[in-house]
Amino acid sequence: FCTLAAVAINLKTGAILGANAGHHPMVVVSRERSSTLLEATGPPIGIMSGLSWNDERAEIGPGETMVLYTDGIVEARAGVTMAAGDGEVLEYGAHNLMEIARAREAAGPQGLIEAVIHDVDRYCSPLLPHDDCTLIALRYNGNG
């Protein structure tokens, strides 16, 4: 099966139309706020046949940055606990992603991505992340 988020942005208005097949929600950050958009509108693709996904509408404002990410980011496991073998699995979590994204928002999309990847690597140390860690970040400047 496959999780997938599809997003279309109207560059003139910031209107977003998207569907989310079992993926984590998109994160939107700015100097003023951090929030999530586009919660899952259906199950992962391939679980069952004949299912459908609903389109969701949202909006992003000028200067806001949207971040799409794979589950390898938020489900990254704390390396120290995993290396100790005590059985407790601590995950990076959406709260850490949102905190770093908001703190590094001013660095632009590339700087934000680099900061999150660096923080996930630090969190997993001395091990490597157990899953892919992929992010897409883009800033909506407004005015078409």
Protein backbone atom coordinates (compact mmCIF):
# COMPACT_ATOMS: atom_id res chain seq x y z
CA PHE A 1 0.00 0.00 0.00
CA CYS A 2 1.02 3.61 -0.39
CA THR A 3 0.34 6.83 1.47
CA LEU A 4 0.04 9.86 -0.70
CA ALA A 5 -0.85 13.53 -0.40
CA ALA A 6 -1.71 15.50 -3.52
CA VAL A 7 -1.87 19.28 -3.29
CA ALA A 8 -2.70 21.98 -5.85
CA ILE A 9 -2.12 25.66 -5.02
CA ASN A 10 -3.70 28.63 -6.73
CA LEU A 11 -0.70 30.97 -6.93
CA LYS A 12 -2.92 34.05 -7.25
CA THR A 13 -5.05 33.44 -4.15
CA GLY A 14 -3.23 30.90 -1.96
CA ALA A 15 -6.21 28.54 -2.15
CA ILE A 16 -5.23 24.91 -1.67
CA LEU A 17 -7.08 21.86 -2.93
CA GLY A 18 -5.77 18.52 -1.74
CA ALA A 19 -6.45 14.91 -0.97
CA ASN A 20 -4.61 12.85 1.59
CA ALA A 21 -4.52 9.07 1.29
CA GLY A 22 -3.41 8.08 4.77
CA HIS A 23 -0.50 10.51 4.94
CA HIS A 24 0.42 12.83 7.79
CA PRO A 25 -1.12 16.31 7.54
CA MET A 26 0.75 19.17 5.90
CA VAL A 27 2.39 21.66 8.26
CA VAL A 28 2.07 25.40 7.64
CA VAL A 29 4.40 27.78 9.46
CA SER A 30 4.89 31.53 9.58
CA ARG A 31 6.26 34.02 12.08
CA GLU A 32 2.81 34.17 13.69
CA ARG A 33 1.64 30.56 13.71
CA SER A 34 2.15 26.90 13.02
CA SER A 35 -0.71 24.60 12.14
CA THR A 36 -1.63 21.50 10.21
CA LEU A 37 -3.79 21.26 7.10
CA LEU A 38 -5.20 18.44 5.03
CA GLU A 39 -5.69 15.62 7.49
CA ALA A 40 -6.15 12.19 5.92
CA THR A 41 -9.28 12.13 3.75
CA GLY A 42 -9.14 8.38 3.21
CA PRO A 43 -7.05 5.28 3.86
CA PRO A 44 -3.70 4.51 2.24
CA ILE A 45 -3.93 3.56 -1.43
CA GLY A 46 -4.13 -0.20 -2.05
CA ILE A 47 -5.66 -1.28 1.28
CA MET A 48 -9.04 -2.03 -0.32
CA SER A 49 -10.50 -1.52 -3.76
CA GLY A 50 -13.38 0.80 -4.52
CA LEU A 51 -12.48 3.43 -1.93
CA SER A 52 -12.44 7.14 -2.64
CA TRP A 53 -10.78 10.19 -1.16
CA ASN A 54 -12.38 13.56 -0.63
CA ASP A 55 -10.82 16.80 -1.74
CA GLU A 56 -10.25 19.27 1.07
CA ARG A 57 -9.96 23.03 0.70
CA ALA A 58 -7.67 25.25 2.72
CA GLU A 59 -5.73 28.46 2.28
CA ILE A 60 -2.16 29.56 2.77
CA GLY A 61 -1.30 33.21 3.33
CA PRO A 62 1.49 35.33 1.84
CA GLY A 63 4.77 34.61 3.59
CA GLU A 64 3.63 31.24 4.95
CA THR A 65 5.62 28.08 4.29
CA MET A 66 4.01 24.71 3.75
CA VAL A 67 5.88 21.53 4.62
CA LEU A 68 5.00 18.07 3.35
CA TYR A 69 6.95 15.17 4.84
CA THR A 70 7.16 11.41 4.95
CA ASP A 71 6.42 9.38 8.05
CA GLY A 72 10.17 8.74 8.42
CA ILE A 73 10.45 12.25 9.87
CA VAL A 74 7.83 12.06 12.62
CA GLU A 75 8.36 8.36 13.31
CA ALA A 76 12.15 8.62 13.57
CA ARG A 77 13.27 6.71 16.64
CA ALA A 78 15.45 8.05 19.43
CA GLY A 79 18.85 6.45 18.84
CA VAL A 80 19.99 6.38 22.45
CA THR A 81 16.93 4.41 23.59
CA MET A 82 17.07 2.07 20.59
CA ALA A 83 20.81 1.45 21.06
CA ALA A 84 20.26 0.67 24.76
CA GLY A 85 17.80 -2.03 23.76
CA ASP A 86 15.42 -1.29 26.62
CA GLY A 87 12.42 -1.83 24.33
CA GLU A 88 11.02 1.69 24.69
CA VAL A 89 10.54 3.39 21.33
CA LEU A 90 10.46 7.17 21.45
CA GLU A 91 9.51 8.90 18.19
CA TYR A 92 10.51 12.35 16.97
CA GLY A 93 6.87 13.37 16.60
CA ALA A 94 4.95 16.12 14.85
CA HIS A 95 5.52 18.49 17.77
CA ASN A 96 9.30 18.48 17.17
CA LEU A 97 8.82 18.95 13.43
CA MET A 98 6.54 21.93 14.01
CA GLU A 99 8.85 23.44 16.62
CA ILE A 100 11.95 23.29 14.40
CA ALA A 101 10.02 24.39 11.30
CA ARG A 102 8.64 27.43 13.11
CA ALA A 103 12.02 28.29 14.65
CA ARG A 104 13.77 28.08 11.24
CA GLU A 105 10.96 29.54 9.10
CA ALA A 106 12.94 32.75 8.50
CA ALA A 107 15.79 30.71 6.95
CA GLY A 108 13.57 29.97 3.94
CA PRO A 109 12.43 26.59 2.67
CA GLN A 110 15.94 25.19 2.09
CA GLY A 111 17.17 26.30 5.52
CA LEU A 112 14.05 24.89 7.15
CA ILE A 113 14.54 21.51 5.45
CA GLU A 114 18.22 21.39 6.43
CA ALA A 115 17.35 22.24 10.06
CA VAL A 116 14.70 19.51 10.31
CA ILE A 117 16.94 16.85 8.73
CA HIS A 118 19.81 17.84 11.03
CA ASP A 119 17.52 17.65 14.08
CA VAL A 120 16.14 14.24 13.05
CA ASP A 121 19.71 12.96 12.60
CA ARG A 122 20.61 14.33 16.04
CA TYR A 123 17.53 12.67 17.55
CA CYS A 124 18.40 9.29 16.01
CA SER A 125 22.10 9.44 16.90
CA PRO A 126 24.14 7.30 17.25
CA LEU A 127 21.94 5.33 14.85
CA LEU A 128 20.61 6.40 11.46
CA PRO A 129 16.90 7.01 10.80
CA HIS A 130 15.16 3.68 10.13
CA ASP A 131 12.97 5.03 7.29
CA ASP A 132 13.26 7.60 4.53
CA CYS A 133 13.24 11.22 5.70
CA THR A 134 11.82 13.31 2.91
CA LEU A 135 10.55 16.89 3.12
CA ILE A 136 9.15 19.36 0.63
CA ALA A 137 8.90 22.97 1.75
CA LEU A 138 7.66 25.91 -0.23
CA ARG A 139 6.88 29.47 0.68
CA TYR A 140 3.86 31.21 -0.79
CA ASN A 141 4.83 34.79 -1.57
CA GLY A 142 1.36 35.92 -2.65
CA ASN A 143 0.51 38.38 -5.39
CA GLY A 144 0.34 35.66 -8.04
